[in-house]
Structures are given as C-alpha cells and as structure tokens.
C-alpha atoms as a PDB file:
ATOM      1  CA  UNK A   1     -17.976  65.905 -28.257  1.00  0.00           C
ATOM      2  CA  UNK A   2     -17.238  65.034 -31.881  1.00  0.00           C
ATOM      3  CA  UNK A   3     -14.239  62.755 -32.414  1.00  0.00           C
ATOM      4  CA  UNK A   4     -12.673  63.151 -35.854  1.00  0.00           C
ATOM      5  CA  UNK A   5     -10.670  60.130 -37.036  1.00  0.00           C
ATOM      6  CA  UNK A   6      -8.325  60.625 -40.005  1.00  0.00           C
ATOM      7  CA  UNK A   7      -6.407  57.772 -41.638  1.00  0.00           C
ATOM      8  CA  UNK A   8      -3.009  58.607 -43.165  1.00  0.00           C
ATOM      9  CA  UNK A   9       0.006  57.173 -44.964  1.00  0.00           C
ATOM     10  CA  UNK A  10       2.628  59.620 -46.264  1.00  0.00           C
ATOM     11  CA  UNK A  11       0.226  62.571 -46.318  1.00  0.00           C
ATOM     12  CA  UNK A  12       2.575  65.454 -45.452  1.00  0.00           C
ATOM     13  CA  UNK A  13       1.267  67.457 -48.428  1.00  0.00           C
ATOM     14  CA  UNK A  14      -2.465  67.013 -47.934  1.00  0.00           C
ATOM     15  CA  UNK A  15      -2.946  66.526 -44.184  1.00  0.00           C
ATOM     16  CA  UNK A  16      -2.058  70.166 -43.328  1.00  0.00           C
ATOM     17  CA  UNK A  17      -4.816  71.382 -45.678  1.00  0.00           C
ATOM     18  CA  UNK A  18      -7.407  69.181 -44.009  1.00  0.00           C
ATOM     19  CA  UNK A  19      -6.315  70.138 -40.495  1.00  0.00           C
ATOM     20  CA  UNK A  20      -6.384  73.826 -41.429  1.00  0.00           C
ATOM     21  CA  UNK A  21      -9.935  73.488 -42.747  1.00  0.00           C
ATOM     22  CA  UNK A  22     -10.999  71.770 -39.506  1.00  0.00           C
ATOM     23  CA  UNK A  23      -9.443  74.533 -37.381  1.00  0.00           C
ATOM     24  CA  UNK A  24     -11.517  77.087 -39.306  1.00  0.00           C
ATOM     25  CA  UNK A  25     -14.816  75.410 -38.432  1.00  0.00           C
ATOM     26  CA  UNK A  26     -17.377  77.352 -36.418  1.00  0.00           C
ATOM     27  CA  UNK A  27     -18.134  74.155 -34.478  1.00  0.00           C
ATOM     28  CA  UNK A  28     -15.388  73.790 -31.885  1.00  0.00           C
ATOM     29  CA  UNK A  29     -16.284  70.845 -29.633  1.00  0.00           C
ATOM     30  CA  UNK A  30     -14.086  68.214 -31.249  1.00  0.00           C
ATOM     31  CA  UNK A  31     -10.889  66.193 -30.957  1.00  0.00           C
ATOM     32  CA  UNK A  32      -8.726  64.868 -33.793  1.00  0.00           C
ATOM     33  CA  UNK A  33      -7.208  61.404 -33.893  1.00  0.00           C
ATOM     34  CA  UNK A  34      -4.793  60.539 -36.718  1.00  0.00           C
ATOM     35  CA  UNK A  35      -4.340  56.817 -37.405  1.00  0.00           C
ATOM     36  CA  UNK A  36      -1.070  56.642 -39.306  1.00  0.00           C
ATOM     37  CA  UNK A  37       0.065  53.611 -41.314  1.00  0.00           C
ATOM     38  CA  UNK A  38       3.818  53.901 -40.702  1.00  0.00           C
ATOM     39  CA  UNK A  39       4.411  56.989 -42.819  1.00  0.00           C
ATOM     40  CA  UNK A  40       7.998  57.511 -43.968  1.00  0.00           C
ATOM     41  CA  UNK A  41       7.555  61.272 -44.392  1.00  0.00           C
ATOM     42  CA  UNK A  42       6.588  64.028 -41.900  1.00  0.00           C
ATOM     43  CA  UNK A  43       2.928  63.067 -41.573  1.00  0.00           C
ATOM     44  CA  UNK A  44       3.123  61.983 -37.916  1.00  0.00           C
ATOM     45  CA  UNK A  45       5.198  65.025 -36.943  1.00  0.00           C
ATOM     46  CA  UNK A  46       2.714  67.365 -38.620  1.00  0.00           C
ATOM     47  CA  UNK A  47      -0.193  65.705 -36.814  1.00  0.00           C
ATOM     48  CA  UNK A  48       1.526  65.860 -33.432  1.00  0.00           C
ATOM     49  CA  UNK A  49       2.556  69.512 -33.833  1.00  0.00           C
ATOM     50  CA  UNK A  50      -1.059  70.309 -34.739  1.00  0.00           C
ATOM     51  CA  UNK A  51      -2.272  68.865 -31.444  1.00  0.00           C
ATOM     52  CA  UNK A  52      -3.697  65.639 -32.864  1.00  0.00           C
ATOM     53  CA  UNK A  53      -3.577  62.350 -31.029  1.00  0.00           C
ATOM     54  CA  UNK A  54      -1.587  59.924 -33.207  1.00  0.00           C
ATOM     55  CA  UNK A  55      -2.222  56.176 -33.114  1.00  0.00           C
ATOM     56  CA  UNK A  56      -0.987  53.237 -35.171  1.00  0.00           C
ATOM     57  CA  UNK A  57      -2.933  52.721 -38.372  1.00  0.00           C
ATOM     58  CA  UNK A  58      -2.862  50.319 -41.289  1.00  0.00           C
ATOM     59  CA  UNK A  59      -5.214  49.556 -44.149  1.00  0.00           C
ATOM     60  CA  UNK A  60      -8.324  51.819 -43.958  1.00  0.00           C
ATOM     61  CA  UNK A  61     -10.436  49.493 -41.795  1.00  0.00           C
ATOM     62  CA  UNK A  62      -7.635  48.910 -39.301  1.00  0.00           C
ATOM     63  CA  UNK A  63      -6.774  52.588 -39.107  1.00  0.00           C
ATOM     64  CA  UNK A  64     -10.356  53.690 -38.555  1.00  0.00           C
ATOM     65  CA  UNK A  65     -10.914  51.044 -35.894  1.00  0.00           C
ATOM     66  CA  UNK A  66      -7.668  51.880 -34.061  1.00  0.00           C
ATOM     67  CA  UNK A  67      -8.506  55.559 -34.155  1.00  0.00           C
ATOM     68  CA  UNK A  68     -12.035  54.995 -32.866  1.00  0.00           C
ATOM     69  CA  UNK A  69     -10.690  53.043 -29.878  1.00  0.00           C
ATOM     70  CA  UNK A  70      -8.937  56.208 -28.638  1.00  0.00           C
ATOM     71  CA  UNK A  71     -11.867  58.583 -29.008  1.00  0.00           C
ATOM     72  CA  UNK A  72     -13.685  60.352 -26.195  1.00  0.00           C
ATOM     73  CA  UNK A  73     -16.706  61.686 -28.065  1.00  0.00           C
ATOM     74  CA  UNK A  74     -20.172  60.195 -28.420  1.00  0.00           C
ATOM     75  CA  UNK A  75     -20.109  61.084 -32.137  1.00  0.00           C
ATOM     76  CA  UNK A  76     -17.489  59.936 -34.657  1.00  0.00           C
ATOM     77  CA  UNK A  77     -16.516  61.476 -37.976  1.00  0.00           C
ATOM     78  CA  UNK A  78     -14.299  59.398 -40.242  1.00  0.00           C
ATOM     79  CA  UNK A  79     -12.380  61.413 -42.839  1.00  0.00           C
ATOM     80  CA  UNK A  80      -9.872  60.486 -45.505  1.00  0.00           C
ATOM     81  CA  UNK A  81      -6.773  62.663 -45.465  1.00  0.00           C
ATOM     82  CA  UNK A  82      -7.339  63.994 -48.982  1.00  0.00           C
ATOM     83  CA  UNK A  83     -10.573  65.858 -48.201  1.00  0.00           C
ATOM     84  CA  UNK A  84     -11.123  69.497 -47.235  1.00  0.00           C
ATOM     85  CA  UNK A  85     -13.983  71.005 -45.232  1.00  0.00           C
ATOM     86  CA  UNK A  86     -14.302  74.035 -47.512  1.00  0.00           C
ATOM     87  CA  UNK A  87     -17.414  75.399 -45.755  1.00  0.00           C
ATOM     88  CA  UNK A  88     -16.630  76.866 -42.305  1.00  0.00           C
ATOM     89  CA  UNK A  89     -20.087  75.728 -41.155  1.00  0.00           C
ATOM     90  CA  UNK A  90     -19.752  72.180 -42.488  1.00  0.00           C
ATOM     91  CA  UNK A  91     -19.570  70.464 -39.092  1.00  0.00           C
ATOM     92  CA  UNK A  92     -22.346  72.586 -37.608  1.00  0.00           C
ATOM     93  CA  UNK A  93     -24.718  72.003 -40.541  1.00  0.00           C
ATOM     94  CA  UNK A  94     -23.903  68.300 -40.875  1.00  0.00           C
ATOM     95  CA  UNK A  95     -24.442  67.612 -37.175  1.00  0.00           C
ATOM     96  CA  UNK A  96     -27.688  69.597 -37.259  1.00  0.00           C
ATOM     97  CA  UNK A  97     -28.888  67.430 -40.148  1.00  0.00           C
ATOM     98  CA  UNK A  98     -27.832  64.308 -38.247  1.00  0.00           C
ATOM     99  CA  UNK A  99     -29.821  65.290 -35.158  1.00  0.00           C
ATOM    100  CA  UNK A 100     -32.843  66.622 -37.051  1.00  0.00           C
ATOM    101  CA  UNK A 101     -33.204  63.354 -38.953  1.00  0.00           C
ATOM    102  CA  UNK A 102     -32.582  61.324 -35.777  1.00  0.00           C
ATOM    103  CA  UNK A 103     -29.842  59.290 -37.412  1.00  0.00           C
ATOM    104  CA  UNK A 104     -27.360  56.688 -36.282  1.00  0.00           C
ATOM    105  CA  UNK A 105     -25.120  57.068 -39.335  1.00  0.00           C
ATOM    106  CA  UNK A 106     -24.730  59.569 -42.164  1.00  0.00           C
ATOM    107  CA  UNK A 107     -22.695  59.844 -45.369  1.00  0.00           C
ATOM    108  CA  UNK A 108     -21.953  63.242 -46.915  1.00  0.00           C
ATOM    109  CA  UNK A 109     -21.727  64.251 -50.564  1.00  0.00           C
ATOM    110  CA  UNK A 110     -18.347  64.719 -52.240  1.00  0.00           C
ATOM    111  CA  UNK A 111     -17.175  67.440 -54.614  1.00  0.00           C
ATOM    112  CA  UNK A 112     -13.968  67.016 -56.651  1.00  0.00           C
ATOM    113  CA  UNK A 113     -10.995  69.327 -56.274  1.00  0.00           C
ATOM    114  CA  UNK A 114     -10.607  69.564 -60.026  1.00  0.00           C
ATOM    115  CA  UNK A 115     -11.172  71.837 -63.018  1.00  0.00           C
ATOM    116  CA  UNK A 116     -12.027  68.925 -65.301  1.00  0.00           C
ATOM    117  CA  UNK A 117     -15.667  68.643 -66.294  1.00  0.00           C
ATOM    118  CA  UNK A 118     -15.480  64.834 -66.303  1.00  0.00           C
ATOM    119  CA  UNK A 119     -14.597  64.800 -62.596  1.00  0.00           C
ATOM    120  CA  UNK A 120     -17.558  66.996 -61.715  1.00  0.00           C
ATOM    121  CA  UNK A 121     -19.891  64.904 -63.864  1.00  0.00           C
ATOM    122  CA  UNK A 122     -18.692  61.673 -62.252  1.00  0.00           C
ATOM    123  CA  UNK A 123     -19.135  63.029 -58.726  1.00  0.00           C
ATOM    124  CA  UNK A 124     -22.551  64.491 -59.582  1.00  0.00           C
ATOM    125  CA  UNK A 125     -23.736  61.126 -60.879  1.00  0.00           C
ATOM    126  CA  UNK A 126     -22.262  59.351 -57.842  1.00  0.00           C
ATOM    127  CA  UNK A 127     -23.960  61.743 -55.409  1.00  0.00           C
ATOM    128  CA  UNK A 128     -27.318  61.362 -57.144  1.00  0.00           C
ATOM    129  CA  UNK A 129     -26.959  57.573 -57.170  1.00  0.00           C
ATOM    130  CA  UNK A 130     -26.160  57.460 -53.441  1.00  0.00           C
ATOM    131  CA  UNK A 131     -29.022  59.858 -52.732  1.00  0.00           C
ATOM    132  CA  UNK A 132     -31.456  57.459 -54.402  1.00  0.00           C
ATOM    133  CA  UNK A 133     -29.895  54.310 -52.951  1.00  0.00           C
ATOM    134  CA  UNK A 134     -30.209  55.590 -49.367  1.00  0.00           C
ATOM    135  CA  UNK A 135     -33.827  54.365 -49.430  1.00  0.00           C
ATOM    136  CA  UNK A 136     -33.067  51.069 -51.186  1.00  0.00           C
ATOM    137  CA  UNK A 137     -29.606  49.793 -50.303  1.00  0.00           C
ATOM    138  CA  UNK A 138     -27.646  52.400 -48.290  1.00  0.00           C
ATOM    139  CA  UNK A 139     -23.980  52.771 -49.165  1.00  0.00           C
ATOM    140  CA  UNK A 140     -21.156  55.286 -49.258  1.00  0.00           C
ATOM    141  CA  UNK A 141     -17.382  55.636 -49.257  1.00  0.00           C
ATOM    142  CA  UNK A 142     -15.138  56.133 -46.258  1.00  0.00           C
ATOM    143  CA  UNK A 143     -14.166  59.712 -47.116  1.00  0.00           C
ATOM    144  CA  UNK A 144     -16.774  61.278 -44.830  1.00  0.00           C
ATOM    145  CA  UNK A 145     -18.925  59.208 -42.461  1.00  0.00           C
ATOM    146  CA  UNK A 146     -20.678  60.471 -39.312  1.00  0.00           C
ATOM    147  CA  UNK A 147     -21.783  57.756 -36.889  1.00  0.00           C
ATOM    148  CA  UNK A 148     -22.780  57.504 -33.255  1.00  0.00           C
ATOM    149  CA  UNK A 149     -20.076  55.877 -31.171  1.00  0.00           C
ATOM    150  CA  UNK A 150     -22.577  53.443 -29.662  1.00  0.00           C
ATOM    151  CA  UNK A 151     -23.585  52.268 -33.149  1.00  0.00           C
ATOM    152  CA  UNK A 152     -19.938  51.861 -34.174  1.00  0.00           C
ATOM    153  CA  UNK A 153     -19.312  49.773 -31.063  1.00  0.00           C
ATOM    154  CA  UNK A 154     -22.388  47.607 -31.569  1.00  0.00           C
ATOM    155  CA  UNK A 155     -21.351  46.571 -35.094  1.00  0.00           C
ATOM    156  CA  UNK A 156     -17.724  46.221 -33.931  1.00  0.00           C
ATOM    157  CA  UNK A 157     -16.394  48.769 -36.390  1.00  0.00           C
ATOM    158  CA  UNK A 158     -15.083  48.219 -39.905  1.00  0.00           C
ATOM    159  CA  UNK A 159     -14.311  44.692 -41.092  1.00  0.00           C
ATOM    160  CA  UNK A 160     -10.502  44.494 -41.288  1.00  0.00           C
ATOM    161  CA  UNK A 161     -10.699  41.334 -43.411  1.00  0.00           C
ATOM    162  CA  UNK A 162     -12.103  43.154 -46.449  1.00  0.00           C
ATOM    163  CA  UNK A 163      -9.875  44.257 -49.324  1.00  0.00           C
ATOM    164  CA  UNK A 164     -12.347  46.745 -50.789  1.00  0.00           C
ATOM    165  CA  UNK A 165     -15.785  48.004 -49.828  1.00  0.00           C
ATOM    166  CA  UNK A 166     -15.229  47.943 -46.071  1.00  0.00           C
ATOM    167  CA  UNK A 167     -17.007  51.310 -45.978  1.00  0.00           C
ATOM    168  CA  UNK A 168     -20.114  50.029 -47.824  1.00  0.00           C
ATOM    169  CA  UNK A 169     -20.150  46.971 -45.599  1.00  0.00           C
ATOM    170  CA  UNK A 170     -19.869  49.100 -42.460  1.00  0.00           C
ATOM    171  CA  UNK A 171     -22.767  51.331 -43.520  1.00  0.00           C
ATOM    172  CA  UNK A 172     -24.949  48.340 -44.363  1.00  0.00           C
ATOM    173  CA  UNK A 173     -24.346  46.735 -40.981  1.00  0.00           C
ATOM    174  CA  UNK A 174     -25.057  50.011 -39.180  1.00  0.00           C
ATOM    175  CA  UNK A 175     -28.344  50.526 -41.052  1.00  0.00           C
ATOM    176  CA  UNK A 176     -29.615  47.212 -39.713  1.00  0.00           C
ATOM    177  CA  UNK A 177     -29.738  48.732 -36.231  1.00  0.00           C
ATOM    178  CA  UNK A 178     -30.021  52.476 -36.910  1.00  0.00           C
ATOM    179  CA  UNK A 179     -31.311  55.058 -39.353  1.00  0.00           C
ATOM    180  CA  UNK A 180     -29.108  56.195 -42.267  1.00  0.00           C
ATOM    181  CA  UNK A 181     -29.338  59.211 -44.549  1.00  0.00           C
ATOM    182  CA  UNK A 182     -27.275  60.781 -47.311  1.00  0.00           C
ATOM    183  CA  UNK A 183     -26.406  64.407 -46.478  1.00  0.00           C
ATOM    184  CA  UNK A 184     -26.196  67.080 -49.188  1.00  0.00           C
ATOM    185  CA  UNK A 185     -23.596  69.187 -47.335  1.00  0.00           C
ATOM    186  CA  UNK A 186     -20.366  68.242 -49.155  1.00  0.00           C
ATOM    187  CA  UNK A 187     -16.670  68.017 -48.519  1.00  0.00           C
ATOM    188  CA  UNK A 188     -14.160  68.499 -51.316  1.00  0.00           C
ATOM    189  CA  UNK A 189     -11.939  65.564 -52.217  1.00  0.00           C
ATOM    190  CA  UNK A 190      -8.760  65.110 -54.220  1.00  0.00           C
ATOM    191  CA  UNK A 191      -8.992  63.348 -57.589  1.00  0.00           C
ATOM    192  CA  UNK A 192      -5.471  61.916 -57.258  1.00  0.00           C
ATOM    193  CA  UNK A 193      -6.809  58.360 -57.419  1.00  0.00           C
ATOM    194  CA  UNK A 194      -8.415  59.178 -60.750  1.00  0.00           C
ATOM    195  CA  UNK A 195      -5.128  60.608 -61.959  1.00  0.00           C
ATOM    196  CA  UNK A 196      -2.960  57.660 -60.868  1.00  0.00           C
ATOM    197  CA  UNK A 197      -5.321  54.716 -61.460  1.00  0.00           C
ATOM    198  CA  UNK A 198      -7.339  56.154 -64.343  1.00  0.00           C
ATOM    199  CA  UNK A 199     -10.977  57.220 -64.346  1.00  0.00           C
ATOM    200  CA  UNK A 200     -12.170  54.299 -66.463  1.00  0.00           C
ATOM    201  CA  UNK A 201     -10.313  51.810 -64.267  1.00  0.00           C
ATOM    202  CA  UNK A 202     -11.820  53.289 -61.107  1.00  0.00           C
ATOM    203  CA  UNK A 203     -15.343  53.191 -62.540  1.00  0.00           C
ATOM    204  CA  UNK A 204     -14.824  49.607 -63.732  1.00  0.00           C
ATOM    205  CA  UNK A 205     -13.400  48.439 -60.392  1.00  0.00           C
ATOM    206  CA  UNK A 206     -16.234  49.816 -58.279  1.00  0.00           C
ATOM    207  CA  UNK A 207     -18.909  48.718 -60.740  1.00  0.00           C
ATOM    208  CA  UNK A 208     -17.527  45.174 -60.681  1.00  0.00           C
ATOM    209  CA  UNK A 209     -17.323  45.263 -56.890  1.00  0.00           C
ATOM    210  CA  UNK A 210     -20.941  46.409 -56.561  1.00  0.00           C
ATOM    211  CA  UNK A 211     -22.183  43.733 -58.980  1.00  0.00           C
ATOM    212  CA  UNK A 212     -20.110  41.073 -57.222  1.00  0.00           C
ATOM    213  CA  UNK A 213     -21.652  41.931 -53.850  1.00  0.00           C
ATOM    214  CA  UNK A 214     -25.181  42.118 -55.238  1.00  0.00           C
ATOM    215  CA  UNK A 215     -25.135  38.854 -57.183  1.00  0.00           C
ATOM    216  CA  UNK A 216     -23.025  36.697 -54.869  1.00  0.00           C
ATOM    217  CA  UNK A 217     -24.006  38.160 -51.523  1.00  0.00           C
ATOM    218  CA  UNK A 218     -20.334  37.954 -50.525  1.00  0.00           C
ATOM    219  CA  UNK A 219     -17.581  40.465 -49.737  1.00  0.00           C
ATOM    220  CA  UNK A 220     -14.116  40.765 -51.277  1.00  0.00           C
ATOM    221  CA  UNK A 221     -11.629  39.759 -48.589  1.00  0.00           C
ATOM    222  CA  UNK A 222      -7.895  40.403 -48.390  1.00  0.00           C
ATOM    223  CA  UNK A 223      -7.360  36.807 -49.542  1.00  0.00           C
ATOM    224  CA  UNK A 224      -8.802  37.634 -52.965  1.00  0.00           C
ATOM    225  CA  UNK A 225      -5.926  38.076 -55.418  1.00  0.00           C
ATOM    226  CA  UNK A 226      -7.933  39.231 -58.443  1.00  0.00           C
ATOM    227  CA  UNK A 227      -6.371  42.421 -59.778  1.00  0.00           C
ATOM    228  CA  UNK A 228      -9.716  44.119 -60.399  1.00  0.00           C
ATOM    229  CA  UNK A 229     -10.329  44.187 -56.636  1.00  0.00           C
ATOM    230  CA  UNK A 230      -6.848  45.234 -55.510  1.00  0.00           C
ATOM    231  CA  UNK A 231      -6.710  48.379 -53.386  1.00  0.00           C
ATOM    232  CA  UNK A 232      -3.736  50.735 -53.131  1.00  0.00           C
ATOM    233  CA  UNK A 233      -3.882  52.728 -49.884  1.00  0.00           C
ATOM    234  CA  UNK A 234      -1.068  55.178 -50.573  1.00  0.00           C
ATOM    235  CA  UNK A 235      -1.872  57.465 -53.514  1.00  0.00           C
ATOM    236  CA  UNK A 236       0.400  60.322 -54.493  1.00  0.00           C
END
C-alpha cells in the first residue's frame, strides 16, 4: 500500500483540488493522511469528509513525521497541499520508475501552475539542476517525495529542529543508506510563494541556504533568527 501524507495549514481552497486529483488516479491502493497545523478554516473538515485520516501537524518536518507515524503502507509519498497530480497515471508511472530503478527514495519534477514565462523558466532550470545533482549531491524539496517506510524509519524522519532545508537534509540522510533518483514524471505546483514572497527573494533565500550548507557543513536550525532563512509555512 502507498501512504500519502499531506501537510496543511488553512488550505480549504487548494486541498480539495489535490484530493480530487488523487481520487482520479488509476493507481488505487493508497491511503491519505492529512497532518494539519491547527487550521482556522475548513481544512480539517474537508479532509475528514473526503475520507482522509487527520492528525496533528505543525511546521513541515513535524507534520510529515506525525503523518508518517499513522501510516499503514510500506511506501510513503509526501505531498505539499498546493500540488496537483495532473496526470491520471502519475502514481502508477512514478511507482514503476521507483521499482525499476530499485530505489529507496525518489524526488519528482515540478511544473508551475502559471502562465508566466519566468515561472516556467525557473522551474525548468531547477529541474535540470536537480537532475544533474542527483549523481553528485542529491537534493529536492518536500513537495513530492517517495520513500520506503523502512528507510524513513531508519533515518528517523525529517529533522524537526531545522528552520529551512529539512527536505534536502532528509534526502541526504536517506541516500547514505539507499539509492536516490530524480524522476521526470512531474506534479504541478502553485506559484503562490513566488507571488507573496517575490521571485528574486525566493531565489536569493535558497541560493544563500545552499551555499551556507556547502561551505559551513551545518544546517539552519529554528534557533537561527536571520531573516534570510526565515520560513513562512502558511502562504495564501
């Protein structure tokens, strides 16, 4: 069974779109766990009425870990609530790639839900970069990660003490004990973070974070108060 873990906070507008896209999948052997970070809107109600198991969430790492604790499947899929599985065969093709490559963890490509050329260019460059880096220094965001449950358990999940980059850190730790590959089958993702935080600011923040990790060998923890590394979970 595939256990799909979705982290949410006030996602009543976007969660229904993701759940609808999951229900349309040709692969049917799955369960859905929603880790909700005390939403003040109808997010939890929507998840419950859709047949999802709802657990207490928090910042991304905490939510993903709490959700994973309640799963029954031997395979986990972590999704952000602002993505859509636009291809009805996405799960089937992604899992086939996972098994064919004999992987322990996999990160899928992202396509922007946007008409702006700049958004498509940025995601194209990001996908190509991650495709190359899979052989050098594997990394990827938390929007769409497939991982074996046994691998997740062995590395003890995501590090809840990290402010930013908990997804990159998780992938790196998993690749020390299992095989990782970037998968070309994409999900579509909202560009709301680009709209609210600014495209230049986002690029600057993640570039600085990558350089910080590379040159210091350290992670950015929740105790770090530098504005460049601050993370805002709830984006409208």
